PDB file of N, CA and C in Angstrom:
ATOM      1  N   MET A   1     -21.877  13.326  38.396  1.00  0.00           N
ATOM      2  CA  MET A   1     -22.458  13.235  37.065  1.00  0.00           C
ATOM      3  C   MET A   1     -21.663  13.708  35.879  1.00  0.00           C
ATOM      4  N   ALA A   2     -21.674  15.342  36.101  1.00  0.00           N
ATOM      5  CA  ALA A   2     -20.777  16.513  35.434  1.00  0.00           C
ATOM      6  C   ALA A   2     -19.261  15.692  34.814  1.00  0.00           C
ATOM      7  N   PRO A   3     -19.019  15.194  36.153  1.00  0.00           N
ATOM      8  CA  PRO A   3     -16.962  14.581  35.509  1.00  0.00           C
ATOM      9  C   PRO A   3     -17.197  13.484  34.324  1.00  0.00           C
ATOM     10  N   ARG A   4     -17.963  13.110  34.834  1.00  0.00           N
ATOM     11  CA  ARG A   4     -18.315  11.734  34.310  1.00  0.00           C
ATOM     12  C   ARG A   4     -18.264  11.519  32.802  1.00  0.00           C
ATOM     13  N   ARG A   5     -19.699  12.565  32.701  1.00  0.00           N
ATOM     14  CA  ARG A   5     -19.985  13.312  31.109  1.00  0.00           C
ATOM     15  C   ARG A   5     -18.525  13.813  30.518  1.00  0.00           C
ATOM     16  N   ALA A   6     -17.967  14.748  31.254  1.00  0.00           N
ATOM     17  CA  ALA A   6     -16.788  15.659  30.545  1.00  0.00           C
ATOM     18  C   ALA A   6     -15.606  14.593  30.211  1.00  0.00           C
ATOM     19  N   ALA A   7     -15.459  13.507  31.149  1.00  0.00           N
ATOM     20  CA  ALA A   7     -14.648  12.697  30.641  1.00  0.00           C
ATOM     21  C   ALA A   7     -15.021  11.966  29.141  1.00  0.00           C
ATOM     22  N   ARG A   8     -16.055  11.321  28.848  1.00  0.00           N
ATOM     23  CA  ARG A   8     -16.724  10.954  27.648  1.00  0.00           C
ATOM     24  C   ARG A   8     -16.582  11.753  26.789  1.00  0.00           C
ATOM     25  N   ALA A   9     -16.924  12.387  27.141  1.00  0.00           N
ATOM     26  CA  ALA A   9     -16.581  13.443  26.143  1.00  0.00           C
ATOM     27  C   ALA A   9     -15.385  13.890  26.082  1.00  0.00           C
ATOM     28  N   LEU A  10     -14.028  14.107  26.545  1.00  0.00           N
ATOM     29  CA  LEU A  10     -13.038  13.757  26.473  1.00  0.00           C
ATOM     30  C   LEU A  10     -12.747  12.800  25.047  1.00  0.00           C
ATOM     31  N   THR A  11     -13.271  11.815  25.902  1.00  0.00           N
ATOM     32  CA  THR A  11     -12.735  10.712  25.271  1.00  0.00           C
ATOM     33  C   THR A  11     -13.118  10.204  23.559  1.00  0.00           C
ATOM     34  N   VAL A  12     -14.382  10.839  23.557  1.00  0.00           N
ATOM     35  CA  VAL A  12     -15.226  10.520  22.649  1.00  0.00           C
ATOM     36  C   VAL A  12     -14.536  11.550  21.347  1.00  0.00           C
ATOM     37  N   THR A  13     -13.976  12.702  21.888  1.00  0.00           N
ATOM     38  CA  THR A  13     -12.902  13.628  21.314  1.00  0.00           C
ATOM     39  C   THR A  13     -11.848  13.458  20.216  1.00  0.00           C
ATOM     40  N   ALA A  14     -10.923  12.141  21.654  1.00  0.00           N
ATOM     41  CA  ALA A  14      -9.848  11.630  21.802  1.00  0.00           C
ATOM     42  C   ALA A  14      -9.965  10.835  19.699  1.00  0.00           C
ATOM     43  N   LEU A  15     -10.607   9.951  20.305  1.00  0.00           N
ATOM     44  CA  LEU A  15     -10.780   8.649  19.327  1.00  0.00           C
ATOM     45  C   LEU A  15     -11.377   9.184  18.438  1.00  0.00           C
ATOM     46  N   ALA A  16     -11.862  10.516  17.847  1.00  0.00           N
ATOM     47  CA  ALA A  16     -12.431  10.895  16.690  1.00  0.00           C
ATOM     48  C   ALA A  16     -11.791  11.962  15.927  1.00  0.00           C
ATOM     49  N   GLY A  17     -10.702  12.266  17.249  1.00  0.00           N
ATOM     50  CA  GLY A  17      -9.171  12.854  16.154  1.00  0.00           C
ATOM     51  C   GLY A  17      -8.658  12.228  15.753  1.00  0.00           C
ATOM     52  N   ALA A  18      -8.220  10.956  16.555  1.00  0.00           N
ATOM     53  CA  ALA A  18      -7.277  10.183  16.000  1.00  0.00           C
ATOM     54  C   ALA A  18      -7.879   8.996  15.025  1.00  0.00           C
ATOM     55  N   LEU A  19      -9.074   8.394  14.989  1.00  0.00           N
ATOM     56  CA  LEU A  19      -9.650   8.466  13.538  1.00  0.00           C
ATOM     57  C   LEU A  19      -8.928   9.116  12.413  1.00  0.00           C
ATOM     58  N   ALA A  20      -9.680  10.643  12.299  1.00  0.00           N
ATOM     59  CA  ALA A  20      -9.636  11.410  11.234  1.00  0.00           C
ATOM     60  C   ALA A  20      -8.150  11.487  11.591  1.00  0.00           C
ATOM     61  N   LEU A  21      -7.401  11.143  12.030  1.00  0.00           N
ATOM     62  CA  LEU A  21      -5.022  11.632  11.408  1.00  0.00           C
ATOM     63  C   LEU A  21      -4.672  10.253  10.964  1.00  0.00           C
ATOM     64  N   THR A  22      -5.817   9.294  11.183  1.00  0.00           N
ATOM     65  CA  THR A  22      -5.068   8.058  10.222  1.00  0.00           C
ATOM     66  C   THR A  22      -5.120   7.582   8.815  1.00  0.00           C
ATOM     67  N   PRO A  23      -4.318   7.393   7.986  1.00  0.00           N
ATOM     68  CA  PRO A  23      -4.187   6.975   7.113  1.00  0.00           C
ATOM     69  C   PRO A  23      -5.058   5.942   6.047  1.00  0.00           C
ATOM     70  N   THR A  24      -6.476   6.317   6.015  1.00  0.00           N
ATOM     71  CA  THR A  24      -7.421   5.192   5.580  1.00  0.00           C
ATOM     72  C   THR A  24      -7.712   5.825   4.384  1.00  0.00           C
ATOM     73  N   GLY A  25      -8.314   4.756   3.483  1.00  0.00           N
ATOM     74  CA  GLY A  25      -8.953   5.396   2.224  1.00  0.00           C
ATOM     75  C   GLY A  25      -7.798   5.606   0.784  1.00  0.00           C
ATOM     76  N   PRO A  26      -8.073   6.706   0.196  1.00  0.00           N
ATOM     77  CA  PRO A  26      -7.270   7.290  -0.852  1.00  0.00           C
ATOM     78  C   PRO A  26      -6.155   7.820  -0.544  1.00  0.00           C
ATOM     79  N   ALA A  27      -6.162   8.763  -0.082  1.00  0.00           N
ATOM     80  CA  ALA A  27      -4.678   9.091   1.329  1.00  0.00           C
ATOM     81  C   ALA A  27      -3.910   8.257   1.141  1.00  0.00           C
ATOM     82  N   ALA A  28      -4.468   6.796   1.868  1.00  0.00           N
ATOM     83  CA  ALA A  28      -3.082   5.574   1.834  1.00  0.00           C
ATOM     84  C   ALA A  28      -3.171   5.077   0.722  1.00  0.00           C
ATOM     85  N   ALA A  29      -4.153   4.961  -0.485  1.00  0.00           N
ATOM     86  CA  ALA A  29      -3.795   4.308  -2.269  1.00  0.00           C
ATOM     87  C   ALA A  29      -2.625   4.512  -2.445  1.00  0.00           C
ATOM     88  N   SER A  30      -2.927   6.060  -2.522  1.00  0.00           N
ATOM     89  CA  SER A  30      -2.235   7.088  -3.040  1.00  0.00           C
ATOM     90  C   SER A  30      -0.174   6.673  -3.136  1.00  0.00           C
ATOM     91  N   SER A  31       0.322   5.827  -3.837  1.00  0.00           N
ATOM     92  CA  SER A  31       1.439   5.390  -3.468  1.00  0.00           C
ATOM     93  C   SER A  31       1.932   5.131  -5.112  1.00  0.00           C
ATOM     94  N   PRO A  32       3.483   5.758  -5.452  1.00  0.00           N
ATOM     95  CA  PRO A  32       4.138   6.115  -6.355  1.00  0.00           C
ATOM     96  C   PRO A  32       4.153   4.934  -7.280  1.00  0.00           C
ATOM     97  N   VAL A  33       4.124   3.322  -6.254  1.00  0.00           N
ATOM     98  CA  VAL A  33       4.443   2.514  -7.091  1.00  0.00           C
ATOM     99  C   VAL A  33       3.510   2.040  -7.542  1.00  0.00           C
ATOM    100  N   ALA A  34       3.110   1.677  -8.746  1.00  0.00           N
ATOM    101  CA  ALA A  34       1.967   1.177  -9.873  1.00  0.00           C
ATOM    102  C   ALA A  34       1.284   0.052  -9.157  1.00  0.00           C
ATOM    103  N   ASP A  35      -0.361  -0.219  -8.842  1.00  0.00           N
ATOM    104  CA  ASP A  35      -1.272  -1.455  -8.531  1.00  0.00           C
ATOM    105  C   ASP A  35      -1.157  -2.034  -9.291  1.00  0.00           C
ATOM    106  N   LEU A  36      -1.033  -3.299  -9.461  1.00  0.00           N
ATOM    107  CA  LEU A  36      -0.868  -4.990 -10.211  1.00  0.00           C
ATOM    108  C   LEU A  36      -1.744  -5.271 -10.709  1.00  0.00           C
ATOM    109  N   SER A  37      -2.970  -4.944  -9.550  1.00  0.00           N
ATOM    110  CA  SER A  37      -4.148  -5.688  -9.465  1.00  0.00           C
ATOM    111  C   SER A  37      -4.904  -5.459 -10.874  1.00  0.00           C
ATOM    112  N   SER A  38      -5.522  -6.210 -11.473  1.00  0.00           N
ATOM    113  CA  SER A  38      -6.200  -6.818 -12.159  1.00  0.00           C
ATOM    114  C   SER A  38      -5.428  -6.265 -13.701  1.00  0.00           C
ATOM    115  N   LEU A  39      -3.810  -6.795 -13.419  1.00  0.00           N
ATOM    116  CA  LEU A  39      -3.462  -6.725 -14.473  1.00  0.00           C
ATOM    117  C   LEU A  39      -2.553  -8.042 -15.806  1.00  0.00           C
ATOM    118  N   GLY A  40      -3.170  -9.554 -14.326  1.00  0.00           N
ATOM    119  CA  GLY A  40      -2.823 -10.644 -15.544  1.00  0.00           C
ATOM    120  C   GLY A  40      -1.202 -10.165 -14.845  1.00  0.00           C
ATOM    121  N   CYS A  41      -0.660 -10.019 -13.969  1.00  0.00           N
ATOM    122  CA  CYS A  41       0.203 -10.971 -12.935  1.00  0.00           C
ATOM    123  C   CYS A  41       1.331 -11.049 -14.407  1.00  0.00           C
ATOM    124  N   PRO A  42       1.751  -9.798 -14.621  1.00  0.00           N
ATOM    125  CA  PRO A  42       2.836  -9.486 -15.657  1.00  0.00           C
ATOM    126  C   PRO A  42       4.321  -9.680 -15.154  1.00  0.00           C
ATOM    127  N   ALA A  43       5.455 -10.499 -16.111  1.00  0.00           N
ATOM    128  CA  ALA A  43       6.723 -11.024 -15.278  1.00  0.00           C
ATOM    129  C   ALA A  43       7.376  -9.705 -14.627  1.00  0.00           C
ATOM    130  N   ALA A  44       6.889  -8.533 -15.314  1.00  0.00           N
ATOM    131  CA  ALA A  44       7.835  -7.275 -14.832  1.00  0.00           C
ATOM    132  C   ALA A  44       6.970  -6.706 -15.080  1.00  0.00           C
ATOM    133  N   TYR A  45       6.960  -5.570 -14.996  1.00  0.00           N
ATOM    134  CA  TYR A  45       6.624  -4.079 -14.777  1.00  0.00           C
ATOM    135  C   TYR A  45       7.053  -2.475 -14.265  1.00  0.00           C
ATOM    136  N   ALA A  46       7.481  -1.525 -15.529  1.00  0.00           N
ATOM    137  CA  ALA A  46       7.537  -0.335 -14.634  1.00  0.00           C
ATOM    138  C   ALA A  46       7.117   0.962 -14.829  1.00  0.00           C
ATOM    139  N   ASN A  47       7.367   1.854 -13.579  1.00  0.00           N
ATOM    140  CA  ASN A  47       6.793   3.202 -14.190  1.00  0.00           C
ATOM    141  C   ASN A  47       7.731   4.217 -13.923  1.00  0.00           C
ATOM    142  N   ASN A  48       7.703   4.926 -14.565  1.00  0.00           N
ATOM    143  CA  ASN A  48       8.556   6.561 -13.725  1.00  0.00           C
ATOM    144  C   ASN A  48       7.576   7.060 -12.974  1.00  0.00           C
ATOM    145  N   TYR A  49       9.171   7.957 -12.035  1.00  0.00           N
ATOM    146  CA  TYR A  49       8.611   8.419 -10.901  1.00  0.00           C
ATOM    147  C   TYR A  49       9.373   9.328 -10.062  1.00  0.00           C
ATOM    148  N   GLY A  50       9.260  10.830 -10.290  1.00  0.00           N
ATOM    149  CA  GLY A  50      10.614  12.157 -10.078  1.00  0.00           C
ATOM    150  C   GLY A  50      11.711  11.721 -10.918  1.00  0.00           C
ATOM    151  N   ASP A  51      12.549  11.171 -10.199  1.00  0.00           N
ATOM    152  CA  ASP A  51      13.805  11.140 -11.038  1.00  0.00           C
ATOM    153  C   ASP A  51      14.389  10.092 -10.855  1.00  0.00           C
ATOM    154  N   GLY A  52      13.977   8.994 -11.207  1.00  0.00           N
ATOM    155  CA  GLY A  52      13.708   7.570 -11.364  1.00  0.00           C
ATOM    156  C   GLY A  52      12.552   6.892 -12.048  1.00  0.00           C
ATOM    157  N   GLN A  53      12.632   5.403 -11.460  1.00  0.00           N
ATOM    158  CA  GLN A  53      12.027   4.430 -11.767  1.00  0.00           C
ATOM    159  C   GLN A  53      11.061   2.923 -10.994  1.00  0.00           C
ATOM    160  N   PHE A  54      10.409   3.060 -10.841  1.00  0.00           N
ATOM    161  CA  PHE A  54       9.748   2.073 -10.016  1.00  0.00           C
ATOM    162  C   PHE A  54       9.785   0.992 -11.443  1.00  0.00           C
ATOM    163  N   GLN A  55      10.413  -0.230 -10.741  1.00  0.00           N
ATOM    164  CA  GLN A  55      10.685  -1.493 -11.447  1.00  0.00           C
ATOM    165  C   GLN A  55       9.961  -2.964 -10.414  1.00  0.00           C
ATOM    166  N   GLN A  56       8.720  -3.600 -11.054  1.00  0.00           N
ATOM    167  CA  GLN A  56       8.413  -4.759 -10.037  1.00  0.00           C
ATOM    168  C   GLN A  56       8.930  -6.104 -10.691  1.00  0.00           C
ATOM    169  N   PHE A  57       9.306  -6.839 -10.413  1.00  0.00           N
ATOM    170  CA  PHE A  57       9.483  -8.280 -11.075  1.00  0.00           C
ATOM    171  C   PHE A  57       8.744  -9.221 -10.286  1.00  0.00           C
ATOM    172  N   ARG A  58       7.571 -10.317 -11.329  1.00  0.00           N
ATOM    173  CA  ARG A  58       7.122 -11.329 -10.131  1.00  0.00           C
ATOM    174  C   ARG A  58       8.063 -12.327 -10.046  1.00  0.00           C
ATOM    175  N   THR A  59       7.444 -12.549  -8.277  1.00  0.00           N
ATOM    176  CA  THR A  59       8.292 -13.963  -7.824  1.00  0.00           C
ATOM    177  C   THR A  59       8.471 -14.528  -7.697  1.00  0.00           C
ATOM    178  N   SER A  60       6.645 -14.963  -7.847  1.00  0.00           N
ATOM    179  CA  SER A  60       5.655 -16.355  -7.726  1.00  0.00           C
ATOM    180  C   SER A  60       4.250 -15.512  -7.779  1.00  0.00           C
ATOM    181  N   THR A  61       3.418 -17.255  -7.856  1.00  0.00           N
ATOM    182  CA  THR A  61       2.274 -16.694  -7.959  1.00  0.00           C
ATOM    183  C   THR A  61       1.046 -17.872  -7.283  1.00  0.00           C
ATOM    184  N   TYR A  62       0.016 -17.506  -6.771  1.00  0.00           N
ATOM    185  CA  TYR A  62      -0.588 -18.956  -6.031  1.00  0.00           C
ATOM    186  C   TYR A  62      -2.328 -18.450  -6.219  1.00  0.00           C
ATOM    187  N   VAL A  63      -2.714 -19.694  -6.040  1.00  0.00           N
ATOM    188  CA  VAL A  63      -4.033 -19.318  -5.998  1.00  0.00           C
ATOM    189  C   VAL A  63      -4.743 -18.872  -4.176  1.00  0.00           C
ATOM    190  N   ALA A  64      -5.077 -17.912  -4.125  1.00  0.00           N
ATOM    191  CA  ALA A  64      -5.435 -17.696  -2.915  1.00  0.00           C
ATOM    192  C   ALA A  64      -6.933 -18.524  -2.111  1.00  0.00           C
ATOM    193  N   GLY A  65      -7.618 -18.902  -1.393  1.00  0.00           N
ATOM    194  CA  GLY A  65      -8.647 -19.759  -0.954  1.00  0.00           C
ATOM    195  C   GLY A  65      -9.968 -19.366  -1.620  1.00  0.00           C
ATOM    196  N   ASN A  66      -9.769 -17.851  -2.050  1.00  0.00           N
ATOM    197  CA  ASN A  66     -11.500 -17.488  -2.604  1.00  0.00           C
ATOM    198  C   ASN A  66     -10.854 -17.971  -4.171  1.00  0.00           C
ATOM    199  N   GLY A  67     -10.163 -18.387  -4.500  1.00  0.00           N
ATOM    200  CA  GLY A  67     -10.208 -18.792  -5.936  1.00  0.00           C
ATOM    201  C   GLY A  67      -9.208 -18.047  -6.801  1.00  0.00           C
ATOM    202  N   PHE A  68      -9.240 -16.820  -6.455  1.00  0.00           N
ATOM    203  CA  PHE A  68      -8.619 -15.655  -6.964  1.00  0.00           C
ATOM    204  C   PHE A  68      -7.017 -15.875  -7.495  1.00  0.00           C
ATOM    205  N   ARG A  69      -6.243 -15.635  -8.533  1.00  0.00           N
ATOM    206  CA  ARG A  69      -4.428 -16.015  -8.577  1.00  0.00           C
ATOM    207  C   ARG A  69      -4.186 -14.711  -7.742  1.00  0.00           C
ATOM    208  N   HIS A  70      -3.146 -14.778  -7.371  1.00  0.00           N
ATOM    209  CA  HIS A  70      -2.668 -13.706  -7.233  1.00  0.00           C
ATOM    210  C   HIS A  70      -0.705 -13.697  -7.461  1.00  0.00           C
ATOM    211  N   GLY A  71      -0.347 -12.603  -7.026  1.00  0.00           N
ATOM    212  CA  GLY A  71       1.675 -12.946  -7.933  1.00  0.00           C
ATOM    213  C   GLY A  71       1.628 -11.753  -7.046  1.00  0.00           C
ATOM    214  N   VAL A  72       3.306 -12.464  -6.644  1.00  0.00           N
ATOM    215  CA  VAL A  72       4.153 -12.010  -5.558  1.00  0.00           C
ATOM    216  C   VAL A  72       5.222 -10.933  -6.081  1.00  0.00           C
ATOM    217  N   TYR A  73       5.398  -9.540  -5.731  1.00  0.00           N
ATOM    218  CA  TYR A  73       6.368  -8.605  -6.444  1.00  0.00           C
ATOM    219  C   TYR A  73       7.748  -8.266  -5.721  1.00  0.00           C
ATOM    220  N   ASP A  74       8.935  -8.078  -5.897  1.00  0.00           N
ATOM    221  CA  ASP A  74       9.766  -7.530  -5.291  1.00  0.00           C
ATOM    222  C   ASP A  74       9.874  -5.909  -6.212  1.00  0.00           C
ATOM    223  N   ILE A  75      10.283  -5.987  -5.360  1.00  0.00           N
ATOM    224  CA  ILE A  75       9.803  -4.285  -6.320  1.00  0.00           C
ATOM    225  C   ILE A  75      10.940  -2.862  -5.932  1.00  0.00           C
ATOM    226  N   PHE A  76      11.941  -2.670  -7.204  1.00  0.00           N
ATOM    227  CA  PHE A  76      12.852  -1.938  -6.615  1.00  0.00           C
ATOM    228  C   PHE A  76      12.819  -0.253  -7.191  1.00  0.00           C
ATOM    229  N   PHE A  77      13.536   0.582  -6.405  1.00  0.00           N
ATOM    230  CA  PHE A  77      13.524   2.001  -7.488  1.00  0.00           C
ATOM    231  C   PHE A  77      15.118   1.834  -7.885  1.00  0.00           C
ATOM    232  N   ILE A  78      14.773   2.732  -8.647  1.00  0.00           N
ATOM    233  CA  ILE A  78      16.393   3.031  -9.394  1.00  0.00           C
ATOM    234  C   ILE A  78      16.628   3.952 -10.039  1.00  0.00           C
ATOM    235  N   ASN A  79      17.618   4.790  -9.916  1.00  0.00           N
ATOM    236  CA  ASN A  79      17.563   5.964  -9.982  1.00  0.00           C
ATOM    237  C   ASN A  79      19.515   6.681 -10.412  1.00  0.00           C
ATOM    238  N   TRP A  80      19.433   7.652 -10.450  1.00  0.00           N
ATOM    239  CA  TRP A  80      21.389   7.897 -10.865  1.00  0.00           C
ATOM    240  C   TRP A  80      21.698   7.258  -9.659  1.00  0.00           C
ATOM    241  N   SER A  81      21.297   7.161  -8.553  1.00  0.00           N
ATOM    242  CA  SER A  81      22.740   6.646  -7.473  1.00  0.00           C
ATOM    243  C   SER A  81      22.358   5.174  -6.661  1.00  0.00           C
ATOM    244  N   GLY A  82      21.484   4.383  -7.992  1.00  0.00           N
ATOM    245  CA  GLY A  82      21.445   3.345  -8.041  1.00  0.00           C
ATOM    246  C   GLY A  82      20.244   2.410  -7.985  1.00  0.00           C
ATOM    247  N   ARG A  83      20.247   1.014  -7.435  1.00  0.00           N
ATOM    248  CA  ARG A  83      19.527   0.507  -7.552  1.00  0.00           C
ATOM    249  C   ARG A  83      18.886  -0.015  -5.808  1.00  0.00           C
ATOM    250  N   ARG A  84      17.597   0.379  -5.272  1.00  0.00           N
ATOM    251  CA  ARG A  84      17.535   0.167  -3.958  1.00  0.00           C
ATOM    252  C   ARG A  84      16.559  -0.860  -3.761  1.00  0.00           C
ATOM    253  N   HIS A  85      16.198  -1.540  -2.950  1.00  0.00           N
ATOM    254  CA  HIS A  85      15.073  -2.651  -3.059  1.00  0.00           C
ATOM    255  C   HIS A  85      14.104  -2.005  -1.945  1.00  0.00           C
ATOM    256  N   GLN A  86      12.859  -1.737  -2.153  1.00  0.00           N
ATOM    257  CA  GLN A  86      11.660  -1.366  -1.746  1.00  0.00           C
ATOM    258  C   GLN A  86      10.800  -2.294  -0.735  1.00  0.00           C
ATOM    259  N   GLY A  87      10.761  -3.296  -1.066  1.00  0.00           N
ATOM    260  CA  GLY A  87      10.450  -4.151  -0.417  1.00  0.00           C
ATOM    261  C   GLY A  87       9.350  -5.438  -1.179  1.00  0.00           C
ATOM    262  N   SER A  88       8.422  -5.768  -1.124  1.00  0.00           N
ATOM    263  CA  SER A  88       7.141  -6.559  -1.774  1.00  0.00           C
ATOM    264  C   SER A  88       6.262  -6.020  -1.596  1.00  0.00           C
ATOM    265  N   ALA A  89       5.468  -6.639  -2.354  1.00  0.00           N
ATOM    266  CA  ALA A  89       3.484  -6.317  -2.514  1.00  0.00           C
ATOM    267  C   ALA A  89       3.469  -7.620  -3.242  1.00  0.00           C
ATOM    268  N   ASP A  90       2.393  -7.517  -2.931  1.00  0.00           N
ATOM    269  CA  ASP A  90       0.846  -8.623  -3.757  1.00  0.00           C
ATOM    270  C   ASP A  90      -0.289  -8.129  -3.579  1.00  0.00           C
ATOM    271  N   TYR A  91      -0.389  -8.671  -5.074  1.00  0.00           N
ATOM    272  CA  TYR A  91      -1.301  -8.418  -6.102  1.00  0.00           C
ATOM    273  C   TYR A  91      -2.081  -9.683  -6.511  1.00  0.00           C
ATOM    274  N   MET A  92      -3.693  -9.065  -6.689  1.00  0.00           N
ATOM    275  CA  MET A  92      -4.723  -9.891  -7.537  1.00  0.00           C
ATOM    276  C   MET A  92      -4.322  -9.796  -9.278  1.00  0.00           C
ATOM    277  N   CYS A  93      -4.328 -11.105  -9.354  1.00  0.00           N
ATOM    278  CA  CYS A  93      -4.351 -10.707 -10.817  1.00  0.00           C
ATOM    279  C   CYS A  93      -5.565 -10.145 -11.842  1.00  0.00           C
TER     280      CYS A  93
END
């Protein structure tokens, strides 16, 4: 019985440790790219960060199944070394 209890305790401890290291909440949400949710889906948005600037350009909008309008944006980082595509993001207007 003792080995089973020890194995269970080890499993629970490992799971709790993995959950503690998972990026969730405010730490995961802290990104240099500005969240455009509830800003009305502007056509373009820019914010300074470090030695450059993040620029977001709306590529499309759609209405989700819940009735809320969303905007899809391409994100670029621009600084002295050039312009780099950072991916895309979907924000609720």
